[in-house]
Amino acid sequence: MQMLKWVGNRLSFSLGPFRRSRKGQAMTEVVLLFPIFVIVVFVTAKMFALLVLVQKMEIASYYAARRWQLESHLNADPVYMTFDAGLKSDIEEKVSGYLGYGSPAVAGFLNLKGPKANLDITRTQVWNVLTLTVETNRAGVALICPPGGAASVCAAAPSKMNCINGYNYICTGNKQLTVIKYVPNRDRPIQFKLPGIH
């Protein structure tokens, strides 16, 4: 019983500032720690953006490779090559839209640079090699970019080249992310359809 009375007193004391009869006061912890919390959340979101971009590039490159495999022509006739050029530009447009080039908010969050993604297709005897390339701006987290550049950050790193690549992605930008897919040739094209869509 004594314990319940003590808990009740503690609860009424802690709820005291919320009563109308007493004026509230800003807590020092909230005032001092909130900006640090916001900075940590912002930096974490920017690191998460890289993960999202890589995953979106993998999905987009799979779509591009599968559609190219099914709808492109093996024959080198000029009529078919004209169709395949239009197919390539249509795939590139859809991939760019999926990655976020059409939305300024998504492009800003994922640090996308340029008007669209670049899709390069190389034909070989057996394989079609599809290369999806995205160029990025700097992540805009100047707080973790010291003025000495990559040399000051990566001097003692065990994997110096990976450290420099990460620094360049976050602080300087102009990094290219590339995904390569190999697709076998088909004898005749068939229409690309998603399962369950008629």
N, C-alpha and C. Protein backbone atom coordinates (compact mmCIF):
# COMPACT_ATOMS: atom_id res chain seq x y z
N MET A 1 0.82 -1.19 0.00
CA MET A 1 0.00 0.00 0.00
C MET A 1 0.87 1.26 0.00
N GLN A 2 1.94 1.20 0.80
CA GLN A 2 2.87 2.33 0.88
C GLN A 2 3.49 2.60 -0.49
N MET A 3 3.77 1.51 -1.22
CA MET A 3 4.39 1.63 -2.54
C MET A 3 3.44 2.32 -3.52
N LEU A 4 2.17 1.97 -3.50
CA LEU A 4 1.19 2.60 -4.38
C LEU A 4 1.05 4.09 -4.09
N LYS A 5 1.10 4.44 -2.83
CA LYS A 5 1.01 5.85 -2.45
C LYS A 5 2.23 6.61 -2.97
N TRP A 6 3.39 5.99 -2.86
CA TRP A 6 4.62 6.63 -3.35
C TRP A 6 4.57 6.82 -4.87
N VAL A 7 4.10 5.80 -5.61
CA VAL A 7 3.98 5.91 -7.08
C VAL A 7 2.97 6.99 -7.44
N GLY A 8 1.87 7.06 -6.73
CA GLY A 8 0.88 8.11 -6.99
C GLY A 8 1.44 9.50 -6.77
N ASN A 9 2.21 9.68 -5.71
CA ASN A 9 2.84 10.98 -5.45
C ASN A 9 3.83 11.33 -6.56
N ARG A 10 4.60 10.36 -7.03
CA ARG A 10 5.58 10.62 -8.09
C ARG A 10 4.87 10.99 -9.39
N LEU A 11 3.78 10.31 -9.70
CA LEU A 11 3.03 10.62 -10.93
C LEU A 11 2.41 12.01 -10.86
N SER A 12 1.84 12.36 -9.72
CA SER A 12 1.23 13.69 -9.61
C SER A 12 2.31 14.77 -9.67
N PHE A 13 3.49 14.50 -9.13
CA PHE A 13 4.58 15.47 -9.20
C PHE A 13 5.08 15.64 -10.64
N SER A 14 5.20 14.51 -11.38
CA SER A 14 5.70 14.59 -12.75
C SER A 14 4.69 15.21 -13.69
N LEU A 15 3.41 15.10 -13.40
CA LEU A 15 2.38 15.72 -14.23
C LEU A 15 2.09 17.16 -13.84
N GLY A 16 2.77 17.66 -12.85
CA GLY A 16 2.56 19.02 -12.37
C GLY A 16 2.67 20.09 -13.44
N PRO A 17 3.70 20.09 -14.30
CA PRO A 17 3.81 21.15 -15.31
C PRO A 17 2.68 21.16 -16.32
N PHE A 18 1.94 20.03 -16.44
CA PHE A 18 0.86 19.98 -17.42
C PHE A 18 -0.45 20.52 -16.87
N ARG A 19 -0.49 20.79 -15.62
CA ARG A 19 -1.71 21.37 -15.05
C ARG A 19 -1.82 22.83 -15.44
N ARG A 20 -3.02 23.33 -15.56
CA ARG A 20 -3.22 24.72 -15.99
C ARG A 20 -2.78 25.73 -14.94
N SER A 21 -2.74 25.34 -13.71
CA SER A 21 -2.42 26.30 -12.66
C SER A 21 -0.93 26.65 -12.62
N ARG A 22 -0.07 25.82 -13.22
CA ARG A 22 1.37 26.09 -13.18
C ARG A 22 1.87 26.43 -14.58
N LYS A 23 2.80 27.35 -14.68
CA LYS A 23 3.36 27.72 -15.98
C LYS A 23 4.41 26.68 -16.37
N GLY A 24 4.48 26.36 -17.68
CA GLY A 24 5.44 25.39 -18.18
C GLY A 24 6.83 25.99 -18.33
N GLN A 25 7.81 25.15 -18.43
CA GLN A 25 9.19 25.61 -18.57
C GLN A 25 9.88 24.69 -19.57
N ALA A 26 10.68 25.25 -20.48
CA ALA A 26 11.40 24.44 -21.47
C ALA A 26 12.45 23.61 -20.77
N MET A 27 12.53 22.38 -21.15
CA MET A 27 13.53 21.51 -20.53
C MET A 27 14.87 21.69 -21.23
N THR A 28 15.91 21.78 -20.47
CA THR A 28 17.25 22.00 -21.00
C THR A 28 17.67 20.87 -21.93
N GLU A 29 17.32 19.64 -21.57
CA GLU A 29 17.72 18.51 -22.40
C GLU A 29 17.12 18.59 -23.80
N VAL A 30 15.85 18.99 -23.87
CA VAL A 30 15.20 19.08 -25.17
C VAL A 30 15.81 20.20 -25.99
N VAL A 31 16.05 21.32 -25.38
CA VAL A 31 16.59 22.48 -26.10
C VAL A 31 18.00 22.20 -26.61
N LEU A 32 18.82 21.52 -25.82
CA LEU A 32 20.19 21.27 -26.23
C LEU A 32 20.35 20.04 -27.12
N LEU A 33 19.57 19.00 -26.87
CA LEU A 33 19.76 17.76 -27.61
C LEU A 33 18.95 17.67 -28.89
N PHE A 34 17.89 18.44 -29.03
CA PHE A 34 17.07 18.36 -30.23
C PHE A 34 17.85 18.69 -31.51
N PRO A 35 18.66 19.75 -31.55
CA PRO A 35 19.43 20.01 -32.78
C PRO A 35 20.40 18.87 -33.12
N ILE A 36 21.00 18.26 -32.11
CA ILE A 36 21.91 17.15 -32.37
C ILE A 36 21.12 15.96 -32.93
N PHE A 37 19.95 15.72 -32.38
CA PHE A 37 19.09 14.65 -32.88
C PHE A 37 18.71 14.89 -34.34
N VAL A 38 18.37 16.12 -34.69
CA VAL A 38 17.98 16.45 -36.06
C VAL A 38 19.15 16.23 -37.02
N ILE A 39 20.35 16.61 -36.60
CA ILE A 39 21.54 16.41 -37.44
C ILE A 39 21.79 14.92 -37.67
N VAL A 40 21.68 14.11 -36.62
CA VAL A 40 21.89 12.67 -36.76
C VAL A 40 20.84 12.07 -37.69
N VAL A 41 19.60 12.49 -37.57
CA VAL A 41 18.53 11.98 -38.44
C VAL A 41 18.81 12.38 -39.89
N PHE A 42 19.23 13.61 -40.13
CA PHE A 42 19.51 14.07 -41.48
C PHE A 42 20.66 13.28 -42.12
N VAL A 43 21.73 13.08 -41.38
CA VAL A 43 22.88 12.32 -41.90
C VAL A 43 22.47 10.88 -42.18
N THR A 44 21.69 10.28 -41.29
CA THR A 44 21.23 8.92 -41.49
C THR A 44 20.33 8.83 -42.73
N ALA A 45 19.48 9.81 -42.93
CA ALA A 45 18.60 9.81 -44.11
C ALA A 45 19.41 9.89 -45.39
N LYS A 46 20.47 10.69 -45.39
CA LYS A 46 21.30 10.81 -46.59
C LYS A 46 22.06 9.52 -46.87
N MET A 47 22.48 8.81 -45.83
CA MET A 47 23.13 7.51 -46.03
C MET A 47 22.10 6.49 -46.53
N PHE A 48 20.89 6.57 -46.01
CA PHE A 48 19.82 5.67 -46.44
C PHE A 48 19.47 5.93 -47.90
N ALA A 49 19.61 7.17 -48.37
CA ALA A 49 19.32 7.51 -49.76
C ALA A 49 20.22 6.73 -50.72
N LEU A 50 21.46 6.52 -50.34
CA LEU A 50 22.38 5.74 -51.19
C LEU A 50 21.89 4.30 -51.31
N LEU A 51 21.45 3.73 -50.21
CA LEU A 51 20.93 2.36 -50.23
C LEU A 51 19.68 2.27 -51.11
N VAL A 52 18.80 3.24 -50.98
CA VAL A 52 17.58 3.25 -51.79
C VAL A 52 17.93 3.39 -53.27
N LEU A 53 18.88 4.25 -53.60
CA LEU A 53 19.27 4.45 -54.99
C LEU A 53 19.85 3.17 -55.60
N VAL A 54 20.70 2.48 -54.86
CA VAL A 54 21.30 1.24 -55.37
C VAL A 54 20.22 0.18 -55.59
N GLN A 55 19.29 0.06 -54.67
CA GLN A 55 18.22 -0.93 -54.82
C GLN A 55 17.31 -0.57 -56.01
N LYS A 56 17.01 0.71 -56.18
CA LYS A 56 16.18 1.13 -57.31
C LYS A 56 16.91 0.88 -58.63
N MET A 57 18.22 1.07 -58.64
CA MET A 57 18.98 0.81 -59.86
C MET A 57 18.98 -0.68 -60.21
N GLU A 58 19.06 -1.54 -59.21
CA GLU A 58 19.01 -2.99 -59.46
C GLU A 58 17.66 -3.38 -60.05
N ILE A 59 16.58 -2.86 -59.49
CA ILE A 59 15.24 -3.18 -60.00
C ILE A 59 15.06 -2.63 -61.40
N ALA A 60 15.48 -1.39 -61.63
CA ALA A 60 15.33 -0.77 -62.95
C ALA A 60 16.16 -1.49 -64.00
N SER A 61 17.37 -1.91 -63.64
CA SER A 61 18.21 -2.61 -64.62
C SER A 61 17.64 -3.99 -64.94
N TYR A 62 17.02 -4.64 -63.97
CA TYR A 62 16.37 -5.93 -64.25
C TYR A 62 15.21 -5.73 -65.22
N TYR A 63 14.40 -4.69 -64.98
CA TYR A 63 13.29 -4.38 -65.89
C TYR A 63 13.82 -4.11 -67.29
N ALA A 64 14.86 -3.28 -67.39
CA ALA A 64 15.41 -2.92 -68.70
C ALA A 64 15.96 -4.16 -69.42
N ALA A 65 16.68 -5.00 -68.68
CA ALA A 65 17.28 -6.18 -69.30
C ALA A 65 16.20 -7.16 -69.77
N ARG A 66 15.21 -7.38 -68.94
CA ARG A 66 14.17 -8.33 -69.30
C ARG A 66 13.35 -7.83 -70.48
N ARG A 67 13.02 -6.57 -70.47
CA ARG A 67 12.23 -6.02 -71.58
C ARG A 67 13.04 -6.03 -72.88
N TRP A 68 14.32 -5.68 -72.79
CA TRP A 68 15.17 -5.71 -73.98
C TRP A 68 15.30 -7.13 -74.51
N GLN A 69 15.44 -8.09 -73.62
CA GLN A 69 15.57 -9.48 -74.04
C GLN A 69 14.33 -9.94 -74.79
N LEU A 70 13.16 -9.56 -74.30
CA LEU A 70 11.92 -10.05 -74.90
C LEU A 70 11.52 -9.29 -76.16
N GLU A 71 11.76 -7.99 -76.23
CA GLU A 71 11.21 -7.20 -77.32
C GLU A 71 12.20 -6.79 -78.40
N SER A 72 13.49 -6.94 -78.16
CA SER A 72 14.46 -6.52 -79.18
C SER A 72 14.59 -7.60 -80.26
N HIS A 73 15.17 -7.21 -81.39
CA HIS A 73 15.32 -8.10 -82.52
C HIS A 73 16.76 -8.59 -82.64
N LEU A 74 16.90 -9.83 -83.06
CA LEU A 74 18.23 -10.40 -83.30
C LEU A 74 18.72 -10.02 -84.69
N ASN A 75 17.79 -9.86 -85.63
CA ASN A 75 18.11 -9.54 -87.01
C ASN A 75 18.66 -8.11 -87.12
N ALA A 76 19.69 -7.92 -87.93
CA ALA A 76 20.32 -6.60 -88.07
C ALA A 76 19.72 -5.78 -89.20
N ASP A 77 18.54 -6.11 -89.64
CA ASP A 77 17.86 -5.37 -90.69
C ASP A 77 17.61 -3.93 -90.22
N PRO A 78 17.79 -2.92 -91.09
CA PRO A 78 17.59 -1.52 -90.67
C PRO A 78 16.19 -1.23 -90.12
N VAL A 79 15.17 -1.92 -90.61
CA VAL A 79 13.81 -1.71 -90.09
C VAL A 79 13.75 -2.12 -88.62
N TYR A 80 14.35 -3.26 -88.30
CA TYR A 80 14.35 -3.74 -86.93
C TYR A 80 15.24 -2.88 -86.02
N MET A 81 16.34 -2.40 -86.58
CA MET A 81 17.24 -1.55 -85.79
C MET A 81 16.56 -0.24 -85.42
N THR A 82 15.72 0.28 -86.31
CA THR A 82 14.97 1.50 -86.00
C THR A 82 13.98 1.23 -84.86
N PHE A 83 13.30 0.08 -84.92
CA PHE A 83 12.39 -0.28 -83.84
C PHE A 83 13.15 -0.43 -82.53
N ASP A 84 14.31 -1.09 -82.58
CA ASP A 84 15.10 -1.32 -81.36
C ASP A 84 15.63 -0.02 -80.78
N ALA A 85 15.95 0.97 -81.63
CA ALA A 85 16.39 2.28 -81.12
C ALA A 85 15.25 2.96 -80.37
N GLY A 86 14.03 2.86 -80.91
CA GLY A 86 12.87 3.42 -80.21
C GLY A 86 12.58 2.67 -78.92
N LEU A 87 12.78 1.34 -78.94
CA LEU A 87 12.60 0.53 -77.74
C LEU A 87 13.59 0.95 -76.66
N LYS A 88 14.85 1.15 -77.06
CA LYS A 88 15.88 1.56 -76.10
C LYS A 88 15.54 2.90 -75.46
N SER A 89 15.09 3.87 -76.26
CA SER A 89 14.75 5.19 -75.69
C SER A 89 13.51 5.09 -74.79
N ASP A 90 12.57 4.22 -75.13
CA ASP A 90 11.39 4.04 -74.27
C ASP A 90 11.78 3.40 -72.94
N ILE A 91 12.64 2.39 -72.99
CA ILE A 91 13.12 1.75 -71.76
C ILE A 91 13.88 2.76 -70.91
N GLU A 92 14.74 3.55 -71.55
CA GLU A 92 15.53 4.55 -70.83
C GLU A 92 14.62 5.59 -70.15
N GLU A 93 13.57 5.98 -70.84
CA GLU A 93 12.62 6.95 -70.27
C GLU A 93 11.88 6.36 -69.06
N LYS A 94 11.43 5.12 -69.17
CA LYS A 94 10.72 4.48 -68.06
C LYS A 94 11.65 4.25 -66.87
N VAL A 95 12.88 3.83 -67.14
CA VAL A 95 13.85 3.60 -66.07
C VAL A 95 14.17 4.91 -65.36
N SER A 96 14.35 5.98 -66.13
CA SER A 96 14.64 7.29 -65.53
C SER A 96 13.48 7.77 -64.66
N GLY A 97 12.26 7.56 -65.13
CA GLY A 97 11.10 7.94 -64.34
C GLY A 97 11.02 7.14 -63.05
N TYR A 98 11.32 5.83 -63.12
CA TYR A 98 11.28 5.00 -61.91
C TYR A 98 12.35 5.42 -60.91
N LEU A 99 13.52 5.78 -61.42
CA LEU A 99 14.60 6.17 -60.51
C LEU A 99 14.32 7.51 -59.83
N GLY A 100 13.47 8.36 -60.42
CA GLY A 100 13.11 9.61 -59.76
C GLY A 100 13.54 10.85 -60.51
N TYR A 101 13.95 10.71 -61.75
CA TYR A 101 14.36 11.90 -62.50
C TYR A 101 13.20 12.83 -62.83
N GLY A 102 11.98 12.32 -62.86
CA GLY A 102 10.84 13.17 -63.16
C GLY A 102 10.34 13.98 -61.97
N SER A 103 10.79 13.64 -60.77
CA SER A 103 10.32 14.31 -59.56
C SER A 103 11.48 15.06 -58.90
N PRO A 104 11.40 16.38 -58.79
CA PRO A 104 12.49 17.13 -58.16
C PRO A 104 12.74 16.72 -56.70
N ALA A 105 11.69 16.35 -55.99
CA ALA A 105 11.86 15.95 -54.59
C ALA A 105 12.64 14.65 -54.48
N VAL A 106 12.28 13.66 -55.29
CA VAL A 106 12.98 12.37 -55.26
C VAL A 106 14.41 12.54 -55.78
N ALA A 107 14.57 13.29 -56.85
CA ALA A 107 15.91 13.52 -57.40
C ALA A 107 16.81 14.23 -56.39
N GLY A 108 16.24 15.14 -55.62
CA GLY A 108 17.02 15.82 -54.59
C GLY A 108 17.38 14.90 -53.44
N PHE A 109 16.44 14.04 -53.03
CA PHE A 109 16.72 13.11 -51.93
C PHE A 109 17.76 12.07 -52.32
N LEU A 110 17.68 11.58 -53.58
CA LEU A 110 18.63 10.57 -54.04
C LEU A 110 19.88 11.16 -54.66
N ASN A 111 20.00 12.49 -54.68
CA ASN A 111 21.17 13.20 -55.21
C ASN A 111 21.39 12.92 -56.69
N LEU A 112 20.33 12.81 -57.47
CA LEU A 112 20.46 12.51 -58.89
C LEU A 112 20.90 13.75 -59.66
N LYS A 113 21.78 13.54 -60.62
CA LYS A 113 22.31 14.64 -61.42
C LYS A 113 21.99 14.40 -62.89
N GLY A 114 21.65 15.44 -63.59
CA GLY A 114 21.36 15.32 -65.01
C GLY A 114 19.88 15.13 -65.28
N PRO A 115 19.50 15.15 -66.56
CA PRO A 115 18.09 15.04 -66.91
C PRO A 115 17.55 13.61 -66.87
N LYS A 116 18.43 12.60 -67.05
CA LYS A 116 17.96 11.22 -67.08
C LYS A 116 19.12 10.26 -66.85
N ALA A 117 18.75 9.01 -66.60
CA ALA A 117 19.76 7.96 -66.47
C ALA A 117 20.26 7.58 -67.86
N ASN A 118 21.44 6.99 -67.91
CA ASN A 118 22.01 6.59 -69.19
C ASN A 118 21.97 5.06 -69.30
N LEU A 119 21.33 4.57 -70.35
CA LEU A 119 21.25 3.14 -70.61
C LEU A 119 22.03 2.85 -71.88
N ASP A 120 23.08 2.06 -71.76
CA ASP A 120 23.91 1.70 -72.90
C ASP A 120 23.73 0.21 -73.18
N ILE A 121 23.51 -0.14 -74.45
CA ILE A 121 23.30 -1.53 -74.83
C ILE A 121 24.34 -1.92 -75.87
N THR A 122 25.08 -2.96 -75.57
CA THR A 122 26.10 -3.48 -76.48
C THR A 122 25.70 -4.88 -76.92
N ARG A 123 25.59 -5.06 -78.23
CA ARG A 123 25.23 -6.38 -78.76
C ARG A 123 26.49 -7.19 -79.00
N THR A 124 26.46 -8.45 -78.61
CA THR A 124 27.54 -9.39 -78.93
C THR A 124 26.92 -10.60 -79.61
N GLN A 125 27.72 -11.62 -79.89
CA GLN A 125 27.21 -12.81 -80.58
C GLN A 125 26.15 -13.54 -79.75
N VAL A 126 26.39 -13.67 -78.46
CA VAL A 126 25.48 -14.43 -77.61
C VAL A 126 24.72 -13.55 -76.64
N TRP A 127 25.39 -12.52 -76.10
CA TRP A 127 24.82 -11.71 -75.04
C TRP A 127 24.56 -10.29 -75.51
N ASN A 128 23.56 -9.68 -74.88
CA ASN A 128 23.38 -8.23 -74.94
C ASN A 128 23.80 -7.71 -73.58
N VAL A 129 24.71 -6.75 -73.58
CA VAL A 129 25.22 -6.19 -72.33
C VAL A 129 24.53 -4.85 -72.10
N LEU A 130 23.73 -4.77 -71.03
CA LEU A 130 23.03 -3.54 -70.68
C LEU A 130 23.73 -2.89 -69.51
N THR A 131 24.10 -1.63 -69.66
CA THR A 131 24.79 -0.88 -68.61
C THR A 131 23.93 0.33 -68.25
N LEU A 132 23.46 0.36 -67.00
CA LEU A 132 22.68 1.48 -66.49
C LEU A 132 23.60 2.34 -65.64
N THR A 133 23.72 3.61 -65.99
CA THR A 133 24.62 4.52 -65.29
C THR A 133 23.84 5.72 -64.77
N VAL A 134 24.08 6.05 -63.50
CA VAL A 134 23.45 7.21 -62.86
C VAL A 134 24.56 8.08 -62.28
N GLU A 135 24.51 9.37 -62.56
CA GLU A 135 25.48 10.30 -61.99
C GLU A 135 24.83 11.04 -60.82
N THR A 136 25.60 11.24 -59.76
CA THR A 136 25.04 11.84 -58.55
C THR A 136 25.68 13.18 -58.23
N ASN A 137 24.90 14.02 -57.56
CA ASN A 137 25.42 15.24 -56.95
C ASN A 137 26.02 14.88 -55.59
N ARG A 138 26.64 15.84 -54.95
CA ARG A 138 27.12 15.56 -53.60
C ARG A 138 25.92 15.48 -52.66
N ALA A 139 26.11 14.74 -51.58
CA ALA A 139 24.99 14.47 -50.68
C ALA A 139 24.56 15.70 -49.88
N GLY A 140 25.40 16.69 -49.77
CA GLY A 140 25.02 17.91 -49.07
C GLY A 140 25.11 17.81 -47.56
N VAL A 141 25.99 16.96 -47.07
CA VAL A 141 26.19 16.83 -45.63
C VAL A 141 27.56 17.45 -45.32
N ALA A 142 27.61 18.76 -45.35
CA ALA A 142 28.89 19.46 -45.16
C ALA A 142 29.46 19.27 -43.76
N LEU A 143 28.62 18.91 -42.83
CA LEU A 143 29.05 18.72 -41.45
C LEU A 143 30.10 17.62 -41.32
N ILE A 144 29.99 16.58 -42.14
CA ILE A 144 30.95 15.48 -42.04
C ILE A 144 32.01 15.53 -43.14
N CYS A 145 32.14 16.65 -43.82
CA CYS A 145 33.15 16.83 -44.87
C CYS A 145 34.20 17.84 -44.39
N PRO A 146 35.32 17.36 -43.84
CA PRO A 146 36.34 18.30 -43.35
C PRO A 146 37.01 19.05 -44.50
N PRO A 147 37.56 20.22 -44.21
CA PRO A 147 38.15 21.02 -45.27
C PRO A 147 39.41 20.41 -45.89
N GLY A 148 40.05 19.45 -45.23
CA GLY A 148 41.27 18.85 -45.77
C GLY A 148 41.05 17.91 -46.92
N GLY A 149 39.81 17.57 -47.23
CA GLY A 149 39.50 16.69 -48.34
C GLY A 149 39.63 15.22 -47.97
N ALA A 150 39.62 14.39 -48.99
CA ALA A 150 39.67 12.94 -48.79
C ALA A 150 40.97 12.49 -48.15
N ALA A 151 42.06 13.22 -48.40
CA ALA A 151 43.35 12.83 -47.84
C ALA A 151 43.36 12.90 -46.32
N SER A 152 42.66 13.88 -45.76
CA SER A 152 42.64 14.01 -44.30
C SER A 152 41.75 12.96 -43.65
N VAL A 153 40.73 12.51 -44.35
CA VAL A 153 39.81 11.52 -43.78
C VAL A 153 40.33 10.10 -43.98
N CYS A 154 40.87 9.83 -45.15
CA CYS A 154 41.19 8.45 -45.54
C CYS A 154 42.66 8.08 -45.35
N ALA A 155 43.42 8.90 -44.63
CA ALA A 155 44.85 8.61 -44.49
C ALA A 155 45.11 7.30 -43.76
N ALA A 156 44.34 7.01 -42.72
CA ALA A 156 44.58 5.81 -41.93
C ALA A 156 43.56 4.71 -42.20
N ALA A 157 42.77 4.85 -43.25
CA ALA A 157 41.73 3.85 -43.54
C ALA A 157 42.36 2.57 -44.08
N PRO A 158 41.88 1.40 -43.63
CA PRO A 158 42.46 0.15 -44.14
C PRO A 158 42.17 -0.06 -45.62
N SER A 159 41.01 0.35 -46.09
CA SER A 159 40.68 0.26 -47.51
C SER A 159 40.58 1.67 -48.06
N LYS A 160 41.71 2.20 -48.46
CA LYS A 160 41.80 3.62 -48.81
C LYS A 160 40.94 3.98 -50.03
N MET A 161 40.91 3.12 -51.04
CA MET A 161 40.14 3.43 -52.25
C MET A 161 38.64 3.48 -51.95
N ASN A 162 38.14 2.55 -51.13
CA ASN A 162 36.72 2.58 -50.77
C ASN A 162 36.40 3.83 -49.96
N CYS A 163 37.32 4.23 -49.09
CA CYS A 163 37.13 5.43 -48.29
C CYS A 163 37.06 6.67 -49.18
N ILE A 164 37.94 6.74 -50.15
CA ILE A 164 37.95 7.89 -51.07
C ILE A 164 36.67 7.91 -51.90
N ASN A 165 36.20 6.75 -52.37
CA ASN A 165 34.95 6.70 -53.13
C ASN A 165 33.77 7.17 -52.29
N GLY A 166 33.71 6.74 -51.03
CA GLY A 166 32.64 7.17 -50.14
C GLY A 166 32.70 8.67 -49.86
N TYR A 167 33.91 9.17 -49.63
CA TYR A 167 34.08 10.61 -49.39
C TYR A 167 33.62 11.40 -50.62
N ASN A 168 34.02 10.94 -51.81
CA ASN A 168 33.64 11.66 -53.03
C ASN A 168 32.13 11.63 -53.24
N TYR A 169 31.48 10.51 -52.92
CA TYR A 169 30.02 10.45 -53.07
C TYR A 169 29.34 11.45 -52.14
N ILE A 170 29.80 11.51 -50.89
CA ILE A 170 29.13 12.37 -49.91
C ILE A 170 29.50 13.83 -50.10
N CYS A 171 30.77 14.12 -50.32
CA CYS A 171 31.24 15.50 -50.24
C CYS A 171 31.44 16.21 -51.57
N THR A 172 31.86 15.51 -52.61
CA THR A 172 32.16 16.21 -53.87
C THR A 172 31.15 15.93 -54.97
N GLY A 173 30.53 14.76 -54.95
CA GLY A 173 29.56 14.44 -55.99
C GLY A 173 30.25 13.99 -57.27
N ASN A 174 29.51 14.08 -58.38
CA ASN A 174 29.99 13.65 -59.69
C ASN A 174 30.44 12.20 -59.70
N LYS A 175 29.81 11.38 -58.87
CA LYS A 175 30.12 9.94 -58.87
C LYS A 175 29.13 9.23 -59.79
N GLN A 176 29.62 8.23 -60.47
CA GLN A 176 28.77 7.43 -61.34
C GLN A 176 28.55 6.06 -60.70
N LEU A 177 27.29 5.70 -60.57
CA LEU A 177 26.92 4.37 -60.10
C LEU A 177 26.49 3.58 -61.33
N THR A 178 26.99 2.36 -61.46
CA THR A 178 26.75 1.57 -62.65
C THR A 178 26.26 0.18 -62.28
N VAL A 179 25.27 -0.30 -63.02
CA VAL A 179 24.79 -1.68 -62.90
C VAL A 179 24.86 -2.29 -64.29
N ILE A 180 25.43 -3.50 -64.38
CA ILE A 180 25.58 -4.19 -65.66
C ILE A 180 24.79 -5.48 -65.62
N LYS A 181 24.00 -5.72 -66.67
CA LYS A 181 23.23 -6.96 -66.81
C LYS A 181 23.58 -7.59 -68.16
N TYR A 182 23.70 -8.91 -68.15
CA TYR A 182 23.95 -9.68 -69.37
C TYR A 182 22.68 -10.44 -69.72
N VAL A 183 22.22 -10.27 -70.96
CA VAL A 183 20.96 -10.86 -71.39
C VAL A 183 21.22 -11.67 -72.65
N PRO A 184 20.75 -12.92 -72.70
CA PRO A 184 20.94 -13.70 -73.93
C PRO A 184 20.06 -13.19 -75.06
N ASN A 185 20.51 -13.43 -76.29
CA ASN A 185 19.73 -13.06 -77.46
C ASN A 185 18.55 -14.02 -77.64
N ARG A 186 17.48 -13.51 -78.22
CA ARG A 186 16.32 -14.34 -78.56
C ARG A 186 16.15 -14.36 -80.07
N ASP A 187 15.58 -15.43 -80.58
CA ASP A 187 15.37 -15.53 -82.03
C ASP A 187 14.26 -14.62 -82.50
N ARG A 188 13.21 -14.48 -81.71
CA ARG A 188 12.09 -13.63 -82.13
C ARG A 188 11.56 -12.87 -80.92
N PRO A 189 11.14 -11.63 -81.12
CA PRO A 189 10.64 -10.84 -79.99
C PRO A 189 9.23 -11.24 -79.57
N ILE A 190 8.95 -11.12 -78.29
CA ILE A 190 7.60 -11.26 -77.77
C ILE A 190 7.33 -10.06 -76.88
N GLN A 191 6.06 -9.76 -76.69
CA GLN A 191 5.70 -8.57 -75.92
C GLN A 191 5.99 -8.78 -74.43
N PHE A 192 6.53 -7.74 -73.80
CA PHE A 192 6.79 -7.77 -72.35
C PHE A 192 5.50 -7.50 -71.62
N LYS A 193 5.11 -8.42 -70.72
CA LYS A 193 3.91 -8.23 -69.91
C LYS A 193 4.23 -8.59 -68.48
N LEU A 194 3.73 -7.79 -67.56
CA LEU A 194 3.87 -8.12 -66.15
C LEU A 194 2.83 -9.18 -65.79
N PRO A 195 3.17 -10.10 -64.88
CA PRO A 195 2.20 -11.13 -64.51
C PRO A 195 0.95 -10.52 -63.89
N GLY A 196 -0.18 -11.04 -64.28
CA GLY A 196 -1.44 -10.60 -63.69
C GLY A 196 -2.02 -9.35 -64.32
N ILE A 197 -1.33 -8.74 -65.27
CA ILE A 197 -1.85 -7.53 -65.94
C ILE A 197 -2.24 -7.91 -67.37
N HIS A 198 -3.50 -7.65 -67.75
CA HIS A 198 -3.97 -8.06 -69.06
C HIS A 198 -4.28 -6.85 -69.90
